[in-house]
Every structure is written in structure tokens, then in C-alpha cells.
Amino acid sequence: MIFAITFFMGITSTLAAVLEPMSYYQYTQFQAPLSWEDITGKGLKQALDSCQQSFQWQRWNCPSQDFVQKNSKPEENSPNREDVYVAAISMAAIVHTLTKDCANGVIAGCGCTENALNVPCAHEPTKALEQYEKHFGSGSGAIGHNRRVVGALLQRSLEQECRCKQPGAVQGECQEEECVAVLKPFEAIAQDLLQMYDDAIQLEGASSNLKIMWQNIPLDSLVFMQDSPNYCERDATGLWKGTRGRQCSKDGSGSLEERLSCQQLCRVCGYRVRSQHVRTERRCNCKLVWGFRLQCDVCVQLERQYSCY
């Protein structure tokens, strides 16, 4: 009898420990300290993927080597339009990643620190921007202005996300909602930056920069200082390959940039458009054999491709 009581009490205490809410101290054991190496790595990968997708059909197509070079070299006081875009989307991706990781409880010491189990947790890009400036600096001149532009964009990119806190009596009805501010998906912010790239303002040379009153330039305009190089031609250091040999498209259902790509990549750069049929093989007519083995045919397809030569 004593054994039974002891056994029952043991089970009860175990269940109580399971059902008892996790304390803040216990919760923080599952969080990692802020690692700028991890945050920067994730952010830059996201920025590069977005950059290459956005510029796929343009003469400068965000080649990986040039993207890395622009992020690794010391920031110039007279950047061109592409330098400015790479810096802007890289900063936006890093701050976006830090903001989300904090709100999701991945990083110790940020996010909903007053109540570690507060779900959902509001996004706070302002705090992430403060951390970014402490680590990377605030910059000066054109660099500082463009960083303020990205920061203002992120703070404007908050939207309300709501969930039902107390369901109603009728199915699908909600008596009480709980809403928090969250950042828009990064793809939407990248589209805003792409538009800012197109609308960027070119300022005069460095000698007249000292007279610029930065507060008079709106915080929705990126600025750059010098013209872009001729991306039709191969770069002498190999950062970009030029447009000779680049594939273009005549797909009428694609984006405007894709539909104009043969004109912009080839003819404007002084090249002709070459059309050729390319033989491709792919798996097709796949089916399960004996319920567990996948068996497929090999289908041959001729695709017409266009390139600059």
C-alpha cells in the first residue's frame, strides 16, 4: 500500500512538472547568444538570392563574386547605383533576420524578454537597427543616408498580424482577437528596395558633397555618386562576365524585363541573338511498381533557346 501511494505521488509530481509552465530561466537554456556571424551569413544568403532573382534579365545580373566583393570591400564615399543596392538589400536582410529571430525566441536577450513565453511576440525592427549600428556603425555621407533610408523602410514595413484569442460560440466566430506588429515578408521589402534602386538619385562629385544638407533629401530615396560601369563588357578583374553568351528570352508570358531581355542584353550591347534547339532529357510517366519502387521513362524534349553572340 505504501509503495502504491509513493508510486502515485511520483507520477503526480512528474505530471505537475510537465504541465507547469516553463520558467524564464528554463526557457533561456534553449536560446543561443547573439552571433553576428550566423545572422550575417543567413541575411547575406537571403539578400544574394533575392538580388539574383530580381536582376536575372538585366545586364548586371548580381553575380555572386561581385556581390561578395561589394560587401567585403571598405565602403566607398562615392558608390555607384549597384554598390548602393547591394549595401541596402544586405542591411535589410540582416536586420530582418535579426528581428524575426529575436521575436521567435531563437536569440537570448532580445524579443519578448519580459515574458519569454509571450506568443505571439511583436517584431521590433527599431531595436534590431540599434544593434546593427552598434556592430556595423551608422556611416556618414551617402553611406549614412542610405542606411537611414533602409531603417525607415523597415519601420514602415510593419503590419498587423492577428489571431483568435477567444473563439465564439458559433464555429468560425471570434470573440476576442490578439494582434501584434510584424514585418512584411522579406520578398515584399526587396521589391520596395528594387523600386528605390530604379528611382535612386545621383549626386554630384565628392568635392560638392560637403555642401549637401542630408536632412533635405527624403528618407525614401537612395543616393549614389558615380555612373555604373559598362556591364555589356567583361570586367577586367572577372567580377562580371558581360552579356556575350548570356541567355535571353522571348517568352511573351514573362515579366517585362524578360520579354525585353534579348533587346537589352544582346542588341543594345552590340550583339546578335542566336537561336538554337537544345536537347534535354527528363524523367516522365513515373509510377509506383509493386507499391514501393518508382519507375520512370526518359522523355526527350527539344527546347528553343536564345543567347547573345
Protein backbone atom coordinates (compact mmCIF):
# COMPACT_ATOMS: atom_id res chain seq x y z
CA MET A 1 0.00 0.00 0.00
CA ILE A 2 2.79 2.40 0.89
CA PHE A 3 4.54 1.51 -2.39
CA ALA A 4 1.34 2.27 -4.33
CA ILE A 5 0.93 5.66 -2.65
CA THR A 6 4.60 6.52 -3.28
CA PHE A 7 4.30 5.44 -6.93
CA PHE A 8 1.12 7.52 -7.38
CA MET A 9 2.73 10.59 -5.79
CA GLY A 10 5.74 10.16 -8.09
CA ILE A 11 3.50 10.13 -11.17
CA THR A 12 1.57 13.16 -9.88
CA SER A 13 4.74 15.20 -9.33
CA THR A 14 6.03 14.22 -12.77
CA LEU A 15 2.77 15.32 -14.42
CA ALA A 16 2.84 18.56 -12.46
CA ALA A 17 6.36 19.24 -13.71
CA VAL A 18 5.25 18.59 -17.29
CA LEU A 19 2.11 20.72 -17.05
CA GLU A 20 3.76 23.56 -15.12
CA PRO A 21 4.62 26.48 -17.43
CA MET A 22 8.29 26.70 -18.33
CA SER A 23 10.09 29.36 -16.31
CA TYR A 24 12.04 32.14 -18.00
CA TYR A 25 15.30 30.63 -16.71
CA GLN A 26 14.46 27.24 -18.24
CA TYR A 27 13.34 28.90 -21.47
CA THR A 28 16.60 30.76 -21.97
CA GLN A 29 18.55 27.50 -21.84
CA PHE A 30 17.20 26.73 -25.31
CA GLN A 31 18.24 30.12 -26.72
CA ALA A 32 21.60 30.93 -28.25
CA PRO A 33 23.56 34.13 -27.67
CA LEU A 34 23.56 36.65 -30.49
CA SER A 35 26.06 35.55 -33.15
CA TRP A 36 26.68 38.19 -35.80
CA GLU A 37 28.42 35.57 -37.92
CA ASP A 38 25.25 33.45 -38.06
CA ILE A 39 22.90 36.41 -38.53
CA THR A 40 25.09 37.96 -41.23
CA GLY A 41 25.51 34.62 -43.02
CA LYS A 42 21.76 33.96 -43.15
CA GLY A 43 20.97 37.55 -44.09
CA LEU A 44 23.52 37.78 -46.91
CA LYS A 45 22.38 34.47 -48.42
CA GLN A 46 18.81 35.73 -48.45
CA ALA A 47 19.94 39.05 -49.95
CA LEU A 48 22.01 37.37 -52.69
CA ASP A 49 19.16 35.02 -53.68
CA SER A 50 16.74 37.95 -53.89
CA CYS A 51 19.25 40.11 -55.80
CA GLN A 52 19.93 37.44 -58.43
CA GLN A 53 16.25 36.77 -58.91
CA SER A 54 15.45 40.49 -59.31
CA PHE A 55 18.29 41.14 -61.80
CA GLN A 56 18.08 37.88 -63.74
CA TRP A 57 17.27 39.60 -67.04
CA GLN A 58 19.35 42.76 -66.60
CA ARG A 59 22.88 43.47 -67.87
CA TRP A 60 24.22 43.49 -64.31
CA ASN A 61 22.71 40.25 -63.04
CA CYS A 62 24.11 40.39 -59.48
CA PRO A 63 26.94 37.86 -59.98
CA SER A 64 27.94 36.18 -56.74
CA GLN A 65 31.58 37.27 -56.90
CA ASP A 66 30.67 40.93 -57.40
CA PHE A 67 28.03 40.75 -54.63
CA VAL A 68 30.59 39.34 -52.19
CA GLN A 69 33.19 41.89 -53.27
CA LYS A 70 30.81 44.81 -52.73
CA ASN A 71 30.03 43.54 -49.22
CA SER A 72 33.63 42.82 -48.25
CA LYS A 73 35.43 45.91 -49.52
CA PRO A 74 35.58 49.08 -47.40
CA GLU A 75 32.57 51.27 -48.06
CA GLU A 76 33.31 53.98 -50.60
CA ASN A 77 32.21 57.57 -50.29
CA SER A 78 31.29 57.62 -53.99
CA PRO A 79 29.34 54.41 -54.66
CA ASN A 80 27.58 53.63 -57.94
CA ARG A 81 23.96 52.54 -58.20
CA GLU A 82 24.73 48.81 -57.83
CA ASP A 83 27.04 49.37 -54.82
CA VAL A 84 24.18 51.19 -53.12
CA TYR A 85 21.63 48.49 -53.91
CA VAL A 86 23.83 45.65 -52.63
CA ALA A 87 24.55 47.54 -49.40
CA ALA A 88 20.85 48.33 -48.93
CA ILE A 89 19.45 44.85 -49.52
CA SER A 90 22.23 43.28 -47.43
CA MET A 91 21.46 45.56 -44.47
CA ALA A 92 17.72 44.99 -44.87
CA ALA A 93 18.17 41.20 -44.90
CA ILE A 94 20.44 41.19 -41.84
CA VAL A 95 18.11 43.42 -39.78
CA HIS A 96 15.05 41.47 -40.98
CA THR A 97 16.69 38.18 -39.93
CA LEU A 98 17.72 39.57 -36.52
CA THR A 99 14.23 40.99 -35.90
CA LYS A 100 12.49 37.70 -36.70
CA ASP A 101 14.95 35.54 -34.75
CA CYS A 102 14.51 37.76 -31.70
CA ALA A 103 10.72 37.61 -31.93
CA ASN A 104 10.76 33.84 -32.42
CA GLY A 105 12.82 33.33 -29.26
CA VAL A 106 15.88 31.96 -31.06
CA ILE A 107 18.28 34.52 -29.57
CA ALA A 108 18.75 35.12 -25.86
CA GLY A 109 18.33 38.62 -24.50
CA CYS A 110 16.03 40.05 -27.17
CA GLY A 111 12.42 39.76 -28.25
CA CYS A 112 9.72 39.35 -25.64
CA THR A 113 12.16 39.33 -22.75
CA GLU A 114 9.62 40.50 -20.16
CA ASN A 115 7.58 37.36 -20.83
CA ALA A 116 9.62 34.69 -22.57
CA LEU A 117 6.55 32.62 -23.41
CA ASN A 118 4.53 35.52 -24.80
CA VAL A 119 3.05 34.27 -28.07
CA PRO A 120 2.79 35.93 -30.47
CA CYS A 121 5.73 38.26 -29.98
CA ALA A 122 5.77 41.63 -31.74
CA HIS A 123 8.58 42.41 -34.17
CA GLU A 124 10.80 45.30 -33.10
CA PRO A 125 12.99 46.40 -36.02
CA THR A 126 13.96 49.58 -34.14
CA LYS A 127 15.83 47.53 -31.53
CA ALA A 128 17.44 45.39 -34.26
CA LEU A 129 18.57 48.57 -36.05
CA GLU A 130 20.19 49.79 -32.82
CA GLN A 131 22.10 46.50 -32.56
CA TYR A 132 23.10 46.77 -36.23
CA GLU A 133 24.50 50.27 -35.74
CA LYS A 134 26.44 49.20 -32.66
CA HIS A 135 28.07 46.42 -34.68
CA PHE A 136 28.48 47.98 -38.13
CA GLY A 137 28.37 51.70 -37.34
CA SER A 138 25.97 54.34 -38.63
CA GLY A 139 28.07 55.53 -41.56
CA SER A 140 28.46 59.07 -42.87
CA GLY A 141 27.65 60.97 -46.05
CA ALA A 142 25.90 58.89 -48.73
CA ILE A 143 26.51 55.67 -46.77
CA GLY A 144 24.87 57.06 -43.62
CA HIS A 145 21.94 58.49 -45.57
CA ASN A 146 21.25 55.17 -47.33
CA ARG A 147 21.37 53.30 -44.02
CA ARG A 148 18.78 55.69 -42.61
CA VAL A 149 16.66 55.06 -45.72
CA VAL A 150 16.76 51.29 -45.16
CA GLY A 151 15.96 51.74 -41.46
CA ALA A 152 12.97 53.96 -42.26
CA LEU A 153 11.73 51.42 -44.83
CA LEU A 154 11.87 48.60 -42.28
CA GLN A 155 9.98 50.63 -39.70
CA ARG A 156 7.31 51.42 -42.33
CA SER A 157 7.10 47.72 -43.21
CA LEU A 158 5.29 46.67 -40.03
CA GLU A 159 1.78 45.27 -40.44
CA GLN A 160 -0.76 43.84 -38.03
CA GLU A 161 -0.99 40.07 -37.64
CA CYS A 162 -3.96 38.84 -35.66
CA ARG A 163 -5.04 35.53 -34.16
CA CYS A 164 -8.15 34.49 -32.32
CA LYS A 165 -7.57 34.60 -28.57
CA GLN A 166 -11.11 33.57 -27.56
CA PRO A 167 -13.31 31.65 -30.04
CA GLY A 168 -17.02 32.44 -30.15
CA ALA A 169 -19.93 30.10 -29.64
CA VAL A 170 -20.51 29.76 -33.39
CA GLN A 171 -17.87 27.91 -35.39
CA GLY A 172 -15.62 30.35 -37.23
CA GLU A 173 -16.58 33.24 -34.94
CA CYS A 174 -14.03 35.02 -32.73
CA GLN A 175 -14.95 36.97 -29.61
CA GLU A 176 -11.52 38.41 -28.95
CA GLU A 177 -8.52 38.88 -31.24
CA GLU A 178 -4.90 39.40 -30.30
CA CYS A 179 -2.85 41.47 -32.76
CA VAL A 180 0.84 42.26 -32.90
CA ALA A 181 3.00 44.20 -35.34
CA VAL A 182 5.16 42.00 -37.60
CA LEU A 183 7.46 42.77 -40.51
CA LYS A 184 6.23 42.14 -44.02
CA PRO A 185 7.80 39.14 -45.78
CA PHE A 186 11.31 39.92 -46.97
CA GLU A 187 10.23 39.49 -50.61
CA ALA A 188 7.91 42.50 -50.26
CA ILE A 189 10.68 44.62 -48.71
CA ALA A 190 13.05 43.54 -51.51
CA GLN A 191 10.50 44.78 -54.07
CA ASP A 192 10.41 48.17 -52.34
CA LEU A 193 14.23 48.32 -52.46
CA LEU A 194 14.20 47.41 -56.15
CA GLN A 195 11.89 50.34 -56.82
CA MET A 196 14.22 52.57 -54.78
CA TYR A 197 17.12 51.31 -56.92
CA ASP A 198 15.27 52.39 -60.06
CA ASP A 199 14.41 55.80 -58.54
CA ALA A 200 17.79 56.43 -56.86
CA ILE A 201 19.14 59.98 -57.01
CA GLN A 202 22.60 60.67 -58.41
CA LEU A 203 24.50 63.41 -56.60
CA GLU A 204 27.42 65.41 -57.90
CA GLY A 205 31.08 64.64 -57.23
CA ALA A 206 32.71 64.35 -53.82
CA SER A 207 34.02 67.92 -53.87
CA SER A 208 30.50 69.33 -53.64
CA ASN A 209 29.28 66.73 -51.14
CA LEU A 210 30.36 68.89 -48.23
CA LYS A 211 27.61 71.36 -49.18
CA ILE A 212 24.85 68.73 -49.19
CA MET A 213 22.31 69.07 -46.42
CA TRP A 214 21.37 65.43 -45.94
CA GLN A 215 18.27 66.28 -43.96
CA ASN A 216 16.81 67.83 -47.14
CA ILE A 217 16.96 64.52 -49.03
CA PRO A 218 13.84 62.43 -48.28
CA LEU A 219 14.23 59.16 -46.41
CA ASP A 220 12.56 57.23 -49.22
CA SER A 221 15.34 57.94 -51.74
CA LEU A 222 18.64 56.10 -52.06
CA VAL A 223 21.53 58.18 -53.37
CA PHE A 224 24.60 57.21 -55.41
CA MET A 225 27.60 59.22 -56.55
CA GLN A 226 29.04 57.86 -59.80
CA ASP A 227 27.91 56.23 -63.02
CA SER A 228 27.81 52.46 -63.32
CA PRO A 229 30.41 50.70 -65.47
CA ASN A 230 29.56 49.22 -68.87
CA TYR A 231 28.10 45.86 -67.91
CA CYS A 232 27.90 44.81 -71.57
CA GLU A 233 31.65 44.16 -71.42
CA ARG A 234 33.50 41.67 -69.25
CA ASP A 235 35.10 43.17 -66.15
CA ALA A 236 38.90 43.12 -66.22
CA THR A 237 39.01 41.52 -62.76
CA GLY A 238 36.30 38.97 -63.55
CA LEU A 239 33.61 40.32 -61.23
CA TRP A 240 31.06 40.14 -64.06
CA LYS A 241 31.24 38.39 -67.42
CA GLY A 242 29.47 40.83 -69.71
CA THR A 243 26.46 39.85 -71.80
CA ARG A 244 28.18 37.91 -74.58
CA GLY A 245 26.97 34.31 -74.26
CA ARG A 246 24.15 35.31 -71.86
CA GLN A 247 20.85 33.56 -72.38
CA CYS A 248 17.85 35.78 -73.12
CA SER A 249 14.16 35.04 -73.51
CA LYS A 250 11.36 35.66 -75.97
CA ASP A 251 8.68 34.25 -73.71
CA GLY A 252 5.71 36.54 -74.20
CA SER A 253 4.16 35.47 -70.90
CA GLY A 254 7.14 36.51 -68.75
CA SER A 255 7.84 39.79 -66.98
CA LEU A 256 8.57 42.97 -68.92
CA GLU A 257 12.30 42.58 -68.22
CA GLU A 258 12.23 39.02 -69.53
CA ARG A 259 10.30 39.97 -72.69
CA LEU A 260 12.82 42.75 -73.43
CA SER A 261 15.90 40.73 -72.42
CA CYS A 262 17.09 39.85 -75.95
CA GLN A 263 16.90 43.53 -76.89
CA GLN A 264 18.59 44.79 -73.72
CA LEU A 265 21.25 42.09 -73.28
CA CYS A 266 22.15 41.48 -76.91
CA ARG A 267 21.19 44.18 -79.40
CA VAL A 268 21.75 47.23 -77.15
CA CYS A 269 25.18 45.81 -76.29
CA GLY A 270 26.08 45.32 -79.96
CA TYR A 271 25.49 41.55 -80.15
CA ARG A 272 23.18 39.44 -82.26
CA VAL A 273 20.60 37.00 -80.97
CA ARG A 274 21.35 33.35 -81.70
CA SER A 275 18.56 30.80 -81.70
CA GLN A 276 19.24 27.10 -81.24
CA HIS A 277 17.45 23.92 -80.26
CA VAL A 278 18.77 22.27 -77.12
CA ARG A 279 18.06 18.60 -76.43
CA THR A 280 17.07 17.92 -72.84
CA GLU A 281 16.14 14.70 -71.08
CA ARG A 282 13.80 14.44 -68.14
CA ARG A 283 12.01 11.77 -66.16
CA CYS A 284 8.36 11.30 -67.11
CA ASN A 285 5.43 8.90 -66.84
CA CYS A 286 6.54 7.90 -63.34
CA LYS A 287 4.58 5.24 -61.47
CA LEU A 288 4.97 3.05 -58.40
CA VAL A 289 5.81 -0.58 -59.14
CA TRP A 290 4.92 -3.19 -56.54
CA GLY A 291 3.78 -0.34 -54.31
CA PHE A 292 7.24 0.89 -53.30
CA ARG A 293 9.58 1.27 -56.32
CA LEU A 294 9.38 4.33 -58.57
CA GLN A 295 9.70 3.54 -62.27
CA CYS A 296 10.00 6.33 -64.85
CA ASP A 297 10.50 6.73 -68.58
CA VAL A 298 13.06 9.11 -70.10
CA CYS A 299 11.44 11.74 -72.27
CA VAL A 300 13.49 13.74 -74.77
CA GLN A 301 12.46 17.31 -75.42
CA LEU A 302 13.81 19.93 -77.83
CA GLU A 303 13.76 23.45 -76.41
CA ARG A 304 14.47 26.62 -78.33
CA GLN A 305 16.95 28.83 -76.52
CA TYR A 306 18.22 32.33 -77.33
CA SER A 307 21.60 33.80 -76.46
CA CYS A 308 23.84 36.77 -77.30
CA TYR A 309 26.78 36.26 -79.67
